[in-house]
Amino acid sequence: MTEHPDIQQLSAHLDTELDTSSTAAVSQHLLSCPQCQRRYRQLQRLSRDLQQLPSLQPELDIDALLDRLPAPQPQQPATPRWRRLAPGLSAAAALILGLWIGGSLYSPISTPPAPGLSALAILGSAPPGALCRQPELCYLHGSLQ
């Protein structure tokens, strides 16, 4: 092995987790490299110290904790924002439409009829469906030119 093994390789060698060829290569390198020997000894001490630590088991009763929690409440599906706003928007649209139609029906026209109205005489003097905003504009007066 020409390069130094990294800390993961040294740790795996210590825990005998390497395959036979890698174990042989790391062992051969450890015989000739004092720097890696120091690291390996540090890992050995660390491993030994960790094994000497007492194994603590938490004194926690999960079932008792779960019993103390309140029962989950069923979740109501969230109403989309457009559904919450729809009644108010539709009422506002109906009001605006009603004002616009009402204003167009009852507003007085102060301007004289346009001169191009005589062209309607070709098709007839009544509008389609006999709807007219002001009856005097629906029938042409005067002669055609």
Protein backbone atom coordinates (compact mmCIF):
# COMPACT_ATOMS: atom_id res chain seq x y z
CA MET A 1 0.00 0.00 0.00
CA THR A 2 1.64 3.25 -1.13
CA GLU A 3 -0.73 5.73 0.48
CA HIS A 4 -1.90 6.05 4.05
CA PRO A 5 -5.22 4.39 4.89
CA ASP A 6 -7.89 6.86 5.93
CA ILE A 7 -9.64 6.82 9.28
CA GLN A 8 -12.55 4.73 7.94
CA GLN A 9 -10.18 2.03 6.70
CA LEU A 10 -8.31 1.97 10.01
CA SER A 11 -11.58 1.75 11.95
CA ALA A 12 -12.87 -1.04 9.70
CA HIS A 13 -9.55 -2.89 10.20
CA LEU A 14 -9.88 -2.52 13.96
CA ASP A 15 -13.46 -3.87 13.85
CA THR A 16 -12.43 -6.66 11.42
CA GLU A 17 -14.85 -5.47 8.79
CA LEU A 18 -12.41 -5.47 5.84
CA ASP A 19 -12.05 -8.28 3.34
CA THR A 20 -8.87 -10.39 3.46
CA SER A 21 -6.91 -8.50 0.78
CA SER A 22 -7.71 -5.08 2.31
CA THR A 23 -6.89 -6.40 5.80
CA ALA A 24 -3.53 -7.65 4.56
CA ALA A 25 -2.75 -4.35 2.82
CA VAL A 26 -3.64 -2.21 5.88
CA SER A 27 -1.73 -4.58 8.22
CA GLN A 28 1.35 -4.41 5.98
CA HIS A 29 1.17 -0.61 5.96
CA LEU A 30 0.77 -0.45 9.75
CA LEU A 31 4.00 -2.43 10.19
CA SER A 32 6.02 0.23 8.38
CA CYS A 33 4.26 3.55 9.16
CA PRO A 34 4.65 5.09 12.64
CA GLN A 35 2.09 7.83 11.87
CA CYS A 36 -0.64 5.29 11.05
CA GLN A 37 0.39 3.19 14.08
CA ARG A 38 -0.30 6.22 16.34
CA ARG A 39 -3.73 6.72 14.74
CA TYR A 40 -4.51 3.02 15.07
CA ARG A 41 -3.57 3.02 18.77
CA GLN A 42 -5.77 6.10 19.33
CA LEU A 43 -8.67 4.28 17.68
CA GLN A 44 -8.02 1.22 19.88
CA ARG A 45 -8.10 3.36 23.05
CA LEU A 46 -11.26 5.11 21.89
CA SER A 47 -12.96 1.81 21.12
CA ARG A 48 -11.95 0.36 24.50
CA ASP A 49 -13.17 3.47 26.36
CA LEU A 50 -16.50 3.39 24.54
CA GLN A 51 -16.99 -0.27 25.44
CA GLN A 52 -16.38 0.52 29.12
CA LEU A 53 -19.16 3.11 29.25
CA PRO A 54 -22.23 1.89 31.12
CA SER A 55 -25.18 0.98 28.98
CA LEU A 56 -28.00 3.22 30.07
CA GLN A 57 -31.58 2.31 29.39
CA PRO A 58 -34.01 5.20 29.51
CA GLU A 59 -36.67 4.85 32.17
CA LEU A 60 -39.43 5.86 29.89
CA ASP A 61 -42.77 4.15 29.55
CA ILE A 62 -43.98 4.96 26.06
CA ASP A 63 -47.39 3.37 26.63
CA ALA A 64 -48.00 5.58 29.68
CA LEU A 65 -47.04 8.67 27.69
CA LEU A 66 -49.34 7.70 24.84
CA ASP A 67 -52.21 7.20 27.29
CA ARG A 68 -51.70 10.73 28.63
CA LEU A 69 -51.95 12.30 25.18
CA PRO A 70 -55.37 13.60 24.14
CA ALA A 71 -57.23 11.58 21.54
CA PRO A 72 -56.67 12.90 18.03
CA GLN A 73 -59.53 14.98 16.72
CA PRO A 74 -60.76 14.27 13.21
CA GLN A 75 -59.47 16.91 10.86
CA GLN A 76 -61.96 18.80 8.75
CA PRO A 77 -60.70 19.20 5.20
CA ALA A 78 -59.51 22.72 4.60
CA THR A 79 -61.92 24.75 2.52
CA PRO A 80 -60.19 26.30 -0.48
CA ARG A 81 -60.01 30.05 -0.35
CA TRP A 82 -62.04 30.53 -3.51
CA ARG A 83 -64.94 28.60 -1.93
CA ARG A 84 -64.93 30.85 1.10
CA LEU A 85 -64.91 33.96 -1.11
CA ALA A 86 -67.39 32.71 -3.75
CA PRO A 87 -70.64 33.85 -2.05
CA GLY A 88 -69.39 37.38 -1.50
CA LEU A 89 -67.89 37.65 -4.97
CA SER A 90 -71.02 36.37 -6.66
CA ALA A 91 -73.16 38.83 -4.67
CA ALA A 92 -70.86 41.69 -5.65
CA ALA A 93 -70.92 40.62 -9.31
CA ALA A 94 -74.73 40.42 -9.25
CA LEU A 95 -74.95 43.88 -7.69
CA ILE A 96 -72.60 45.42 -10.26
CA LEU A 97 -74.40 43.72 -13.14
CA GLY A 98 -77.78 44.89 -11.82
CA LEU A 99 -76.57 48.48 -11.45
CA TRP A 100 -75.07 48.44 -14.94
CA ILE A 101 -78.24 47.05 -16.54
CA GLY A 102 -80.46 49.36 -14.52
CA GLY A 103 -78.34 52.35 -15.38
CA SER A 104 -78.40 51.53 -19.07
CA LEU A 105 -82.19 51.15 -19.05
CA TYR A 106 -83.04 54.38 -17.26
CA SER A 107 -80.31 56.79 -18.25
CA PRO A 108 -81.51 59.68 -20.39
CA ILE A 109 -79.74 60.12 -23.71
CA SER A 110 -78.85 63.74 -24.27
CA THR A 111 -77.16 63.33 -27.63
CA PRO A 112 -79.14 63.21 -30.86
CA PRO A 113 -79.24 59.91 -32.71
CA ALA A 114 -76.28 59.21 -34.91
CA PRO A 115 -76.68 59.98 -38.63
CA GLY A 116 -75.81 56.37 -39.53
CA LEU A 117 -79.13 55.08 -38.12
CA SER A 118 -80.81 55.42 -41.52
CA ALA A 119 -78.88 52.31 -42.60
CA LEU A 120 -81.06 50.27 -40.25
CA ALA A 121 -84.07 51.05 -42.39
CA ILE A 122 -82.84 48.54 -44.97
CA LEU A 123 -83.30 45.68 -42.51
CA GLY A 124 -86.43 46.97 -40.88
CA SER A 125 -87.17 49.51 -38.22
CA ALA A 126 -87.56 47.17 -35.22
CA PRO A 127 -84.52 45.66 -33.57
CA PRO A 128 -84.26 41.86 -33.26
CA GLY A 129 -86.47 40.51 -30.50
CA ALA A 130 -88.24 43.87 -30.27
CA LEU A 131 -85.99 45.02 -27.43
CA CYS A 132 -85.26 48.65 -27.45
CA ARG A 133 -83.73 50.86 -24.82
CA GLN A 134 -85.69 53.90 -25.90
CA PRO A 135 -88.62 53.31 -28.24
CA GLU A 136 -88.12 56.53 -30.17
CA LEU A 137 -84.72 55.24 -31.36
CA CYS A 138 -86.14 51.93 -32.55
CA TYR A 139 -88.21 53.42 -35.32
CA LEU A 140 -86.66 55.60 -37.95
CA HIS A 141 -88.28 58.89 -38.67
CA GLY A 142 -87.65 60.69 -41.86
CA SER A 143 -86.93 59.57 -45.34
CA LEU A 144 -84.22 57.31 -46.62
CA GLN A 145 -81.64 58.78 -48.83
